[in-house]
Amino acid sequence: MLVDCAGKPLDLSRPAVMGVLNLTPDSFSSDGLAHDLDAACARALAMQAAGAAVIDIGGESTRPGATPISVVEELDRVLPVIQYLAPQLRIPISIDSRQPQVMRAAVVAGAGLINDIAALRMPGALAVAAELAVPVVLMHMQGEPGTMQESPHYDNVVAEVESFLVGRVAACEQAGISRQRLLLDPGFGFGKSVAHNIELLRGLPRLARLGLPLLVGLSRKSLIGAVTRAPVTQRLGGSIALALLAVQRGACMLRVHDVEATVQALAMFEAVEGGTHDC
């Protein structure tokens, strides 16, 4: 399956890797590159060389407890990097933002995919995404980043995430965004406890049966720290394990910080399994 990201194809015929490029000063994963254009661009090019299929650029921290920033500040962080990288990269750029103004400016600058933690629920986001005609990742999140981890509650996390995503797909189709342009993200760590995240990973096959590509972001998440007590900078082993479990359960794309190690792990997984599912 090929997804057209504003002229740059994203191949989902096999599980793909999305490389994370955080342009924030307070990233939970300790890899933020705010206001360091040279370092950010160098990292993006290195991730492409390591096998990333798409580079996900974000300027607003959405870690638990994060304070929102202005649209102007978010644009100041992401636009120079997108403008520089768009002609340099052969792979698509994704803009990780919930703000329609940022989505529009990023796509004009060269991004070809929208990755929205709010699933196009911000005022004007549906209309802007329909107009821009690029693929969109719809993510589930209970609450807001600032408070989402205070007391997350579900009666059945898998069923409730599924219901939310189905509803957002319907809203997108009503707004003129076709299913062929949509990817789904269950939102691990976004308004979910450790138990919720584990239950959600176990139930991933149910979400895969919705028939749309699944993007999973488990890299360096607090779930790993809770289970292993490893600090955020020492969670590569846990991240790889969760990545392979997610692919085994139907994920089509892995959003990761450690691209080279994840690509290598996927290669070995596919060699043993004799190929994986077609997204």
C-alpha atoms as a PDB file:
ATOM      1  CA  MET A   1       0.000   0.000   0.000  1.00  0.00           C
ATOM      2  CA  LEU A   2       1.375   3.385  -1.050  1.00  0.00           C
ATOM      3  CA  VAL A   3       0.154   6.572   0.617  1.00  0.00           C
ATOM      4  CA  ASP A   4       0.708   9.799  -1.344  1.00  0.00           C
ATOM      5  CA  CYS A   5       2.181  12.418   1.003  1.00  0.00           C
ATOM      6  CA  ALA A   6       2.096  15.524  -1.197  1.00  0.00           C
ATOM      7  CA  GLY A   7       4.075  13.862  -3.953  1.00  0.00           C
ATOM      8  CA  LYS A   8       6.332  11.732  -1.750  1.00  0.00           C
ATOM      9  CA  PRO A   9       5.175   8.103  -1.422  1.00  0.00           C
ATOM     10  CA  LEU A  10       4.910   6.391   1.948  1.00  0.00           C
ATOM     11  CA  ASP A  11       5.221   2.639   1.504  1.00  0.00           C
ATOM     12  CA  LEU A  12       3.064   0.699   3.958  1.00  0.00           C
ATOM     13  CA  SER A  13       3.343  -2.645   2.185  1.00  0.00           C
ATOM     14  CA  ARG A  14       5.489  -3.597   5.175  1.00  0.00           C
ATOM     15  CA  PRO A  15       5.834  -2.057   8.647  1.00  0.00           C
ATOM     16  CA  ALA A  16       7.492   1.350   8.418  1.00  0.00           C
ATOM     17  CA  VAL A  17       9.395   3.525  10.863  1.00  0.00           C
ATOM     18  CA  MET A  18       8.540   7.157  11.626  1.00  0.00           C
ATOM     19  CA  GLY A  19      11.495   9.036  13.082  1.00  0.00           C
ATOM     20  CA  VAL A  20      10.741  11.541  15.839  1.00  0.00           C
ATOM     21  CA  LEU A  21      12.220  15.040  15.528  1.00  0.00           C
ATOM     22  CA  ASN A  22      11.307  17.071  18.607  1.00  0.00           C
ATOM     23  CA  LEU A  23      11.885  20.812  18.279  1.00  0.00           C
ATOM     24  CA  THR A  24      10.984  21.501  21.903  1.00  0.00           C
ATOM     25  CA  PRO A  25      13.050  22.434  24.968  1.00  0.00           C
ATOM     26  CA  ASP A  26      11.099  20.104  27.267  1.00  0.00           C
ATOM     27  CA  SER A  27      10.636  16.823  25.419  1.00  0.00           C
ATOM     28  CA  PHE A  28       9.840  13.913  27.767  1.00  0.00           C
ATOM     29  CA  SER A  29      12.449  11.819  25.944  1.00  0.00           C
ATOM     30  CA  SER A  30      15.304  14.270  26.543  1.00  0.00           C
ATOM     31  CA  ASP A  31      15.960  14.726  22.825  1.00  0.00           C
ATOM     32  CA  GLY A  32      14.476  18.166  22.173  1.00  0.00           C
ATOM     33  CA  LEU A  33      16.291  20.375  19.671  1.00  0.00           C
ATOM     34  CA  ALA A  34      14.561  23.713  20.062  1.00  0.00           C
ATOM     35  CA  HIS A  35      16.210  26.547  18.102  1.00  0.00           C
ATOM     36  CA  ASP A  36      19.107  24.347  16.905  1.00  0.00           C
ATOM     37  CA  LEU A  37      18.459  24.269  13.156  1.00  0.00           C
ATOM     38  CA  ASP A  38      21.723  22.603  12.190  1.00  0.00           C
ATOM     39  CA  ALA A  39      21.393  19.798  14.732  1.00  0.00           C
ATOM     40  CA  ALA A  40      17.740  19.199  13.882  1.00  0.00           C
ATOM     41  CA  CYS A  41      18.399  18.948  10.152  1.00  0.00           C
ATOM     42  CA  ALA A  42      21.420  16.711  10.693  1.00  0.00           C
ATOM     43  CA  ARG A  43      19.337  14.356  12.837  1.00  0.00           C
ATOM     44  CA  ALA A  44      16.569  14.181  10.230  1.00  0.00           C
ATOM     45  CA  LEU A  45      19.027  13.312   7.471  1.00  0.00           C
ATOM     46  CA  ALA A  46      20.649  10.700   9.702  1.00  0.00           C
ATOM     47  CA  MET A  47      17.259   9.109  10.413  1.00  0.00           C
ATOM     48  CA  GLN A  48      16.531   8.938   6.693  1.00  0.00           C
ATOM     49  CA  ALA A  49      19.892   7.254   6.111  1.00  0.00           C
ATOM     50  CA  ALA A  50      19.099   4.787   8.919  1.00  0.00           C
ATOM     51  CA  GLY A  51      15.884   3.689   7.213  1.00  0.00           C
ATOM     52  CA  ALA A  52      13.107   5.973   8.424  1.00  0.00           C
ATOM     53  CA  ALA A  53      10.129   6.113   6.065  1.00  0.00           C
ATOM     54  CA  VAL A  54       8.916   9.493   7.357  1.00  0.00           C
ATOM     55  CA  ILE A  55      10.222  12.236   9.669  1.00  0.00           C
ATOM     56  CA  ASP A  56       7.718  13.526  12.247  1.00  0.00           C
ATOM     57  CA  ILE A  57       8.439  17.149  13.209  1.00  0.00           C
ATOM     58  CA  GLY A  58       6.816  18.657  16.283  1.00  0.00           C
ATOM     59  CA  GLY A  59       7.195  22.011  18.008  1.00  0.00           C
ATOM     60  CA  GLU A  60       4.810  21.641  20.964  1.00  0.00           C
ATOM     61  CA  SER A  61       5.558  19.327  23.846  1.00  0.00           C
ATOM     62  CA  THR A  62       2.596  17.064  24.625  1.00  0.00           C
ATOM     63  CA  ARG A  63       4.187  15.188  27.508  1.00  0.00           C
ATOM     64  CA  PRO A  64       2.060  14.793  30.654  1.00  0.00           C
ATOM     65  CA  GLY A  65       1.846  18.136  32.429  1.00  0.00           C
ATOM     66  CA  ALA A  66       3.000  20.124  29.405  1.00  0.00           C
ATOM     67  CA  THR A  67       2.020  23.795  29.155  1.00  0.00           C
ATOM     68  CA  PRO A  68       0.502  24.864  25.812  1.00  0.00           C
ATOM     69  CA  ILE A  69       2.465  27.298  23.665  1.00  0.00           C
ATOM     70  CA  SER A  70       1.259  29.923  21.209  1.00  0.00           C
ATOM     71  CA  VAL A  71       0.745  29.157  17.539  1.00  0.00           C
ATOM     72  CA  VAL A  72       3.389  31.756  16.701  1.00  0.00           C
ATOM     73  CA  GLU A  73       5.980  30.029  18.878  1.00  0.00           C
ATOM     74  CA  GLU A  74       5.125  26.633  17.405  1.00  0.00           C
ATOM     75  CA  LEU A  75       5.490  28.005  13.881  1.00  0.00           C
ATOM     76  CA  ASP A  76       8.812  29.636  14.764  1.00  0.00           C
ATOM     77  CA  ARG A  77      10.135  26.247  15.853  1.00  0.00           C
ATOM     78  CA  VAL A  78       8.955  24.042  13.000  1.00  0.00           C
ATOM     79  CA  LEU A  79       8.858  26.134   9.824  1.00  0.00           C
ATOM     80  CA  PRO A  80      12.601  26.802   9.367  1.00  0.00           C
ATOM     81  CA  VAL A  81      13.343  23.092   9.733  1.00  0.00           C
ATOM     82  CA  ILE A  82      10.588  21.999   7.343  1.00  0.00           C
ATOM     83  CA  GLN A  83      11.609  24.607   4.776  1.00  0.00           C
ATOM     84  CA  TYR A  84      15.210  23.410   4.878  1.00  0.00           C
ATOM     85  CA  LEU A  85      14.483  19.686   4.930  1.00  0.00           C
ATOM     86  CA  ALA A  86      11.652  19.436   2.383  1.00  0.00           C
ATOM     87  CA  PRO A  87      13.937  19.687  -0.672  1.00  0.00           C
ATOM     88  CA  GLN A  88      16.672  17.630   1.026  1.00  0.00           C
ATOM     89  CA  LEU A  89      14.645  14.582   2.017  1.00  0.00           C
ATOM     90  CA  ARG A  90      13.369  11.939  -0.382  1.00  0.00           C
ATOM     91  CA  ILE A  91      10.928  10.720   2.306  1.00  0.00           C
ATOM     92  CA  PRO A  92       7.839  12.579   3.546  1.00  0.00           C
ATOM     93  CA  ILE A  93       7.781  15.045   6.423  1.00  0.00           C
ATOM     94  CA  SER A  94       4.977  14.777   8.952  1.00  0.00           C
ATOM     95  CA  ILE A  95       3.841  17.754  11.012  1.00  0.00           C
ATOM     96  CA  ASP A  96       2.986  16.764  14.578  1.00  0.00           C
ATOM     97  CA  SER A  97       0.473  19.443  15.528  1.00  0.00           C
ATOM     98  CA  ARG A  98      -3.124  19.920  16.627  1.00  0.00           C
ATOM     99  CA  GLN A  99      -3.304  23.548  15.448  1.00  0.00           C
ATOM    100  CA  PRO A 100      -4.904  24.109  12.013  1.00  0.00           C
ATOM    101  CA  GLN A 101      -2.771  27.216  11.394  1.00  0.00           C
ATOM    102  CA  VAL A 102       0.370  25.152  11.939  1.00  0.00           C
ATOM    103  CA  MET A 103      -0.921  22.329   9.744  1.00  0.00           C
ATOM    104  CA  ARG A 104      -1.544  24.705   6.866  1.00  0.00           C
ATOM    105  CA  ALA A 105       1.794  26.526   7.114  1.00  0.00           C
ATOM    106  CA  ALA A 106       3.717  23.262   7.489  1.00  0.00           C
ATOM    107  CA  VAL A 107       2.139  21.686   4.414  1.00  0.00           C
ATOM    108  CA  VAL A 108       2.758  24.841   2.394  1.00  0.00           C
ATOM    109  CA  ALA A 109       6.400  24.649   3.532  1.00  0.00           C
ATOM    110  CA  GLY A 110       6.740  21.025   2.404  1.00  0.00           C
ATOM    111  CA  ALA A 111       5.175  18.651   4.934  1.00  0.00           C
ATOM    112  CA  GLY A 112       3.089  15.867   3.403  1.00  0.00           C
ATOM    113  CA  LEU A 113       1.371  14.275   6.402  1.00  0.00           C
ATOM    114  CA  ILE A 114      -0.543  15.615   9.418  1.00  0.00           C
ATOM    115  CA  ASN A 115      -0.086  13.801  12.741  1.00  0.00           C
ATOM    116  CA  ASP A 116      -2.710  15.168  15.141  1.00  0.00           C
ATOM    117  CA  ILE A 117      -2.966  14.085  18.778  1.00  0.00           C
ATOM    118  CA  ALA A 118      -6.386  15.781  18.896  1.00  0.00           C
ATOM    119  CA  ALA A 119      -7.731  13.828  15.892  1.00  0.00           C
ATOM    120  CA  LEU A 120      -8.816  17.036  14.109  1.00  0.00           C
ATOM    121  CA  ARG A 121     -11.040  18.181  16.987  1.00  0.00           C
ATOM    122  CA  MET A 122      -9.619  21.695  17.259  1.00  0.00           C
ATOM    123  CA  PRO A 123     -11.864  24.377  15.713  1.00  0.00           C
ATOM    124  CA  GLY A 124     -11.200  24.560  11.967  1.00  0.00           C
ATOM    125  CA  ALA A 125      -8.922  21.502  11.846  1.00  0.00           C
ATOM    126  CA  LEU A 126     -11.297  19.286   9.857  1.00  0.00           C
ATOM    127  CA  ALA A 127     -11.815  21.934   7.201  1.00  0.00           C
ATOM    128  CA  VAL A 128      -8.098  22.686   6.902  1.00  0.00           C
ATOM    129  CA  ALA A 129      -7.185  19.001   6.620  1.00  0.00           C
ATOM    130  CA  ALA A 130      -9.830  18.493   3.939  1.00  0.00           C
ATOM    131  CA  GLU A 131      -8.492  21.467   1.996  1.00  0.00           C
ATOM    132  CA  LEU A 132      -4.843  20.433   2.261  1.00  0.00           C
ATOM    133  CA  ALA A 133      -5.607  16.936   0.906  1.00  0.00           C
ATOM    134  CA  VAL A 134      -2.700  15.196   2.635  1.00  0.00           C
ATOM    135  CA  PRO A 135      -2.940  12.040   4.773  1.00  0.00           C
ATOM    136  CA  VAL A 136      -3.862  12.454   8.437  1.00  0.00           C
ATOM    137  CA  VAL A 137      -3.083  10.436  11.556  1.00  0.00           C
ATOM    138  CA  LEU A 138      -6.002  10.482  14.001  1.00  0.00           C
ATOM    139  CA  MET A 139      -4.926   9.792  17.579  1.00  0.00           C
ATOM    140  CA  HIS A 140      -6.970   8.960  20.660  1.00  0.00           C
ATOM    141  CA  MET A 141      -6.320  11.061  23.750  1.00  0.00           C
ATOM    142  CA  GLN A 142      -8.392  11.233  26.923  1.00  0.00           C
ATOM    143  CA  GLY A 143      -8.241  14.773  28.291  1.00  0.00           C
ATOM    144  CA  GLU A 144      -5.522  17.343  27.553  1.00  0.00           C
ATOM    145  CA  PRO A 145      -1.716  16.948  27.820  1.00  0.00           C
ATOM    146  CA  GLY A 146      -1.551  19.122  30.917  1.00  0.00           C
ATOM    147  CA  THR A 147      -3.898  16.931  32.952  1.00  0.00           C
ATOM    148  CA  MET A 148      -4.377  13.695  31.001  1.00  0.00           C
ATOM    149  CA  GLN A 149      -2.405  11.479  33.396  1.00  0.00           C
ATOM    150  CA  GLU A 150      -4.011  12.687  36.618  1.00  0.00           C
ATOM    151  CA  SER A 151      -6.798  10.100  36.787  1.00  0.00           C
ATOM    152  CA  PRO A 152      -7.464   8.356  33.463  1.00  0.00           C
ATOM    153  CA  HIS A 153     -10.477   6.034  33.624  1.00  0.00           C
ATOM    154  CA  TYR A 154     -12.043   3.550  31.213  1.00  0.00           C
ATOM    155  CA  ASP A 155     -14.597   0.803  31.616  1.00  0.00           C
ATOM    156  CA  ASN A 156     -13.058  -0.938  28.592  1.00  0.00           C
ATOM    157  CA  VAL A 157     -10.090   0.899  27.125  1.00  0.00           C
ATOM    158  CA  VAL A 158      -9.931  -1.056  23.859  1.00  0.00           C
ATOM    159  CA  ALA A 159     -13.630  -0.668  23.130  1.00  0.00           C
ATOM    160  CA  GLU A 160     -13.630   3.026  24.043  1.00  0.00           C
ATOM    161  CA  VAL A 161     -10.563   3.817  21.937  1.00  0.00           C
ATOM    162  CA  GLU A 162     -12.145   1.901  19.051  1.00  0.00           C
ATOM    163  CA  SER A 163     -15.415   3.813  19.392  1.00  0.00           C
ATOM    164  CA  PHE A 164     -13.608   7.153  19.466  1.00  0.00           C
ATOM    165  CA  LEU A 165     -11.545   6.362  16.363  1.00  0.00           C
ATOM    166  CA  VAL A 166     -14.570   5.107  14.446  1.00  0.00           C
ATOM    167  CA  GLY A 167     -16.338   8.353  15.301  1.00  0.00           C
ATOM    168  CA  ARG A 168     -13.438  10.486  14.133  1.00  0.00           C
ATOM    169  CA  VAL A 169     -13.188   8.561  10.862  1.00  0.00           C
ATOM    170  CA  ALA A 170     -16.892   9.254  10.295  1.00  0.00           C
ATOM    171  CA  ALA A 171     -16.370  12.959  11.049  1.00  0.00           C
ATOM    172  CA  CYS A 172     -13.503  13.067   8.562  1.00  0.00           C
ATOM    173  CA  GLU A 173     -15.537  11.401   5.833  1.00  0.00           C
ATOM    174  CA  GLN A 174     -18.382  13.829   6.439  1.00  0.00           C
ATOM    175  CA  ALA A 175     -15.884  16.698   6.052  1.00  0.00           C
ATOM    176  CA  GLY A 176     -14.665  15.328   2.724  1.00  0.00           C
ATOM    177  CA  ILE A 177     -11.560  13.463   3.894  1.00  0.00           C
ATOM    178  CA  SER A 178     -11.557   9.984   2.376  1.00  0.00           C
ATOM    179  CA  ARG A 179     -10.692   6.842   4.338  1.00  0.00           C
ATOM    180  CA  GLN A 180      -7.757   6.310   1.979  1.00  0.00           C
ATOM    181  CA  ARG A 181      -6.078   9.338   3.574  1.00  0.00           C
ATOM    182  CA  LEU A 182      -6.489   8.221   7.186  1.00  0.00           C
ATOM    183  CA  LEU A 183      -4.221   6.427   9.656  1.00  0.00           C
ATOM    184  CA  LEU A 184      -5.163   5.601  13.244  1.00  0.00           C
ATOM    185  CA  ASP A 185      -3.144   5.896  16.463  1.00  0.00           C
ATOM    186  CA  PRO A 186      -4.507   4.421  19.725  1.00  0.00           C
ATOM    187  CA  GLY A 187      -2.542   7.019  21.697  1.00  0.00           C
ATOM    188  CA  PHE A 188      -0.398   4.999  24.073  1.00  0.00           C
ATOM    189  CA  GLY A 189       0.449   7.142  27.104  1.00  0.00           C
ATOM    190  CA  PHE A 190      -2.101   9.841  26.307  1.00  0.00           C
ATOM    191  CA  GLY A 191      -4.607   9.713  29.148  1.00  0.00           C
ATOM    192  CA  LYS A 192      -3.869   6.077  29.983  1.00  0.00           C
ATOM    193  CA  SER A 193      -2.422   4.265  32.972  1.00  0.00           C
ATOM    194  CA  VAL A 194       0.177   1.503  32.759  1.00  0.00           C
ATOM    195  CA  ALA A 195      -2.600  -1.089  32.947  1.00  0.00           C
ATOM    196  CA  HIS A 196      -4.561   0.710  30.210  1.00  0.00           C
ATOM    197  CA  ASN A 197      -1.521   0.761  27.926  1.00  0.00           C
ATOM    198  CA  ILE A 198      -0.871  -2.953  28.406  1.00  0.00           C
ATOM    199  CA  GLU A 199      -4.527  -3.813  27.821  1.00  0.00           C
ATOM    200  CA  LEU A 200      -4.542  -1.618  24.719  1.00  0.00           C
ATOM    201  CA  LEU A 201      -1.467  -3.340  23.294  1.00  0.00           C
ATOM    202  CA  ARG A 202      -3.046  -6.733  23.904  1.00  0.00           C
ATOM    203  CA  GLY A 203      -6.184  -5.522  22.128  1.00  0.00           C
ATOM    204  CA  LEU A 204      -4.398  -3.976  19.146  1.00  0.00           C
ATOM    205  CA  PRO A 205      -5.659  -6.689  16.732  1.00  0.00           C
ATOM    206  CA  ARG A 206      -9.203  -5.431  17.343  1.00  0.00           C
ATOM    207  CA  LEU A 207      -8.189  -1.937  16.205  1.00  0.00           C
ATOM    208  CA  ALA A 208      -6.325  -3.364  13.209  1.00  0.00           C
ATOM    209  CA  ARG A 209      -9.573  -4.923  12.060  1.00  0.00           C
ATOM    210  CA  LEU A 210     -10.959  -1.427  11.471  1.00  0.00           C
ATOM    211  CA  GLY A 211      -9.126  -1.682   8.154  1.00  0.00           C
ATOM    212  CA  LEU A 212      -6.993   1.461   8.367  1.00  0.00           C
ATOM    213  CA  PRO A 213      -3.207   1.602   8.909  1.00  0.00           C
ATOM    214  CA  LEU A 214      -2.251   1.706  12.585  1.00  0.00           C
ATOM    215  CA  LEU A 215       0.501   4.013  13.835  1.00  0.00           C
ATOM    216  CA  VAL A 216       1.876   3.112  17.256  1.00  0.00           C
ATOM    217  CA  GLY A 217       4.074   5.292  19.457  1.00  0.00           C
ATOM    218  CA  LEU A 218       5.585   3.360  22.362  1.00  0.00           C
ATOM    219  CA  SER A 219       9.192   4.502  22.102  1.00  0.00           C
ATOM    220  CA  ARG A 220      10.727   5.444  25.491  1.00  0.00           C
ATOM    221  CA  LYS A 221       7.253   5.754  27.060  1.00  0.00           C
ATOM    222  CA  SER A 222       6.694   5.764  30.813  1.00  0.00           C
ATOM    223  CA  LEU A 223       5.165   2.298  30.509  1.00  0.00           C
ATOM    224  CA  ILE A 224       8.694   0.970  30.023  1.00  0.00           C
ATOM    225  CA  GLY A 225       9.961   2.861  33.042  1.00  0.00           C
ATOM    226  CA  ALA A 226       7.095   1.576  35.171  1.00  0.00           C
ATOM    227  CA  VAL A 227       7.847  -2.040  34.288  1.00  0.00           C
ATOM    228  CA  THR A 228      11.676  -1.942  34.154  1.00  0.00           C
ATOM    229  CA  ARG A 229      12.503   1.141  36.272  1.00  0.00           C
ATOM    230  CA  ALA A 230      14.819   2.257  33.462  1.00  0.00           C
ATOM    231  CA  PRO A 231      15.253   6.053  33.071  1.00  0.00           C
ATOM    232  CA  VAL A 232      14.000   7.590  29.861  1.00  0.00           C
ATOM    233  CA  THR A 233      17.436   7.606  28.223  1.00  0.00           C
ATOM    234  CA  GLN A 234      17.909   3.866  28.854  1.00  0.00           C
ATOM    235  CA  ARG A 235      14.711   2.386  27.413  1.00  0.00           C
ATOM    236  CA  LEU A 236      15.920   1.108  24.052  1.00  0.00           C
ATOM    237  CA  GLY A 237      15.422  -2.564  24.927  1.00  0.00           C
ATOM    238  CA  GLY A 238      11.895  -1.990  26.136  1.00  0.00           C
ATOM    239  CA  SER A 239      11.111   0.196  23.141  1.00  0.00           C
ATOM    240  CA  ILE A 240      12.268  -2.487  20.692  1.00  0.00           C
ATOM    241  CA  ALA A 241      10.290  -5.190  22.487  1.00  0.00           C
ATOM    242  CA  LEU A 242       7.104  -3.121  22.399  1.00  0.00           C
ATOM    243  CA  ALA A 243       7.668  -2.191  18.754  1.00  0.00           C
ATOM    244  CA  LEU A 244       7.860  -5.828  17.684  1.00  0.00           C
ATOM    245  CA  LEU A 245       4.860  -6.770  19.806  1.00  0.00           C
ATOM    246  CA  ALA A 246       2.895  -3.958  18.151  1.00  0.00           C
ATOM    247  CA  VAL A 247       3.837  -5.111  14.639  1.00  0.00           C
ATOM    248  CA  GLN A 248       2.925  -8.671  15.559  1.00  0.00           C
ATOM    249  CA  ARG A 249      -0.507  -7.380  16.583  1.00  0.00           C
ATOM    250  CA  GLY A 250      -1.161  -5.334  13.455  1.00  0.00           C
ATOM    251  CA  ALA A 251       0.736  -2.021  13.598  1.00  0.00           C
ATOM    252  CA  CYS A 252       1.782  -0.641  10.219  1.00  0.00           C
ATOM    253  CA  MET A 253       4.024   2.180  11.403  1.00  0.00           C
ATOM    254  CA  LEU A 254       6.194   2.679  14.467  1.00  0.00           C
ATOM    255  CA  ARG A 255       6.884   6.189  15.750  1.00  0.00           C
ATOM    256  CA  VAL A 256      10.332   5.922  17.346  1.00  0.00           C
ATOM    257  CA  HIS A 257      13.315   7.887  18.613  1.00  0.00           C
ATOM    258  CA  ASP A 258      15.880   5.174  17.829  1.00  0.00           C
ATOM    259  CA  VAL A 259      15.443   4.609  14.097  1.00  0.00           C
ATOM    260  CA  GLU A 260      18.502   2.509  13.287  1.00  0.00           C
ATOM    261  CA  ALA A 261      17.921  -0.022  16.075  1.00  0.00           C
ATOM    262  CA  THR A 262      14.219  -0.325  15.253  1.00  0.00           C
ATOM    263  CA  VAL A 263      14.843  -0.826  11.528  1.00  0.00           C
ATOM    264  CA  GLN A 264      17.381  -3.548  12.351  1.00  0.00           C
ATOM    265  CA  ALA A 265      14.945  -5.262  14.734  1.00  0.00           C
ATOM    266  CA  LEU A 266      12.196  -5.189  12.107  1.00  0.00           C
ATOM    267  CA  ALA A 267      14.531  -6.711   9.518  1.00  0.00           C
ATOM    268  CA  MET A 268      15.274  -9.649  11.807  1.00  0.00           C
ATOM    269  CA  PHE A 269      11.604 -10.014  12.740  1.00  0.00           C
ATOM    270  CA  GLU A 270      10.635 -10.183   9.052  1.00  0.00           C
ATOM    271  CA  ALA A 271      13.464 -12.631   8.271  1.00  0.00           C
ATOM    272  CA  VAL A 272      12.215 -15.071  10.909  1.00  0.00           C
ATOM    273  CA  GLU A 273       8.506 -14.561  10.246  1.00  0.00           C
ATOM    274  CA  GLY A 274       8.919 -14.754   6.476  1.00  0.00           C
ATOM    275  CA  GLY A 275       7.303 -11.398   5.808  1.00  0.00           C
ATOM    276  CA  THR A 276       4.651  -9.496   7.729  1.00  0.00           C
ATOM    277  CA  HIS A 277       1.133  -8.309   7.082  1.00  0.00           C
ATOM    278  CA  ASP A 278       0.279  -5.942   4.228  1.00  0.00           C
ATOM    279  CA  CYS A 279      -1.120  -2.726   5.635  1.00  0.00           C
END
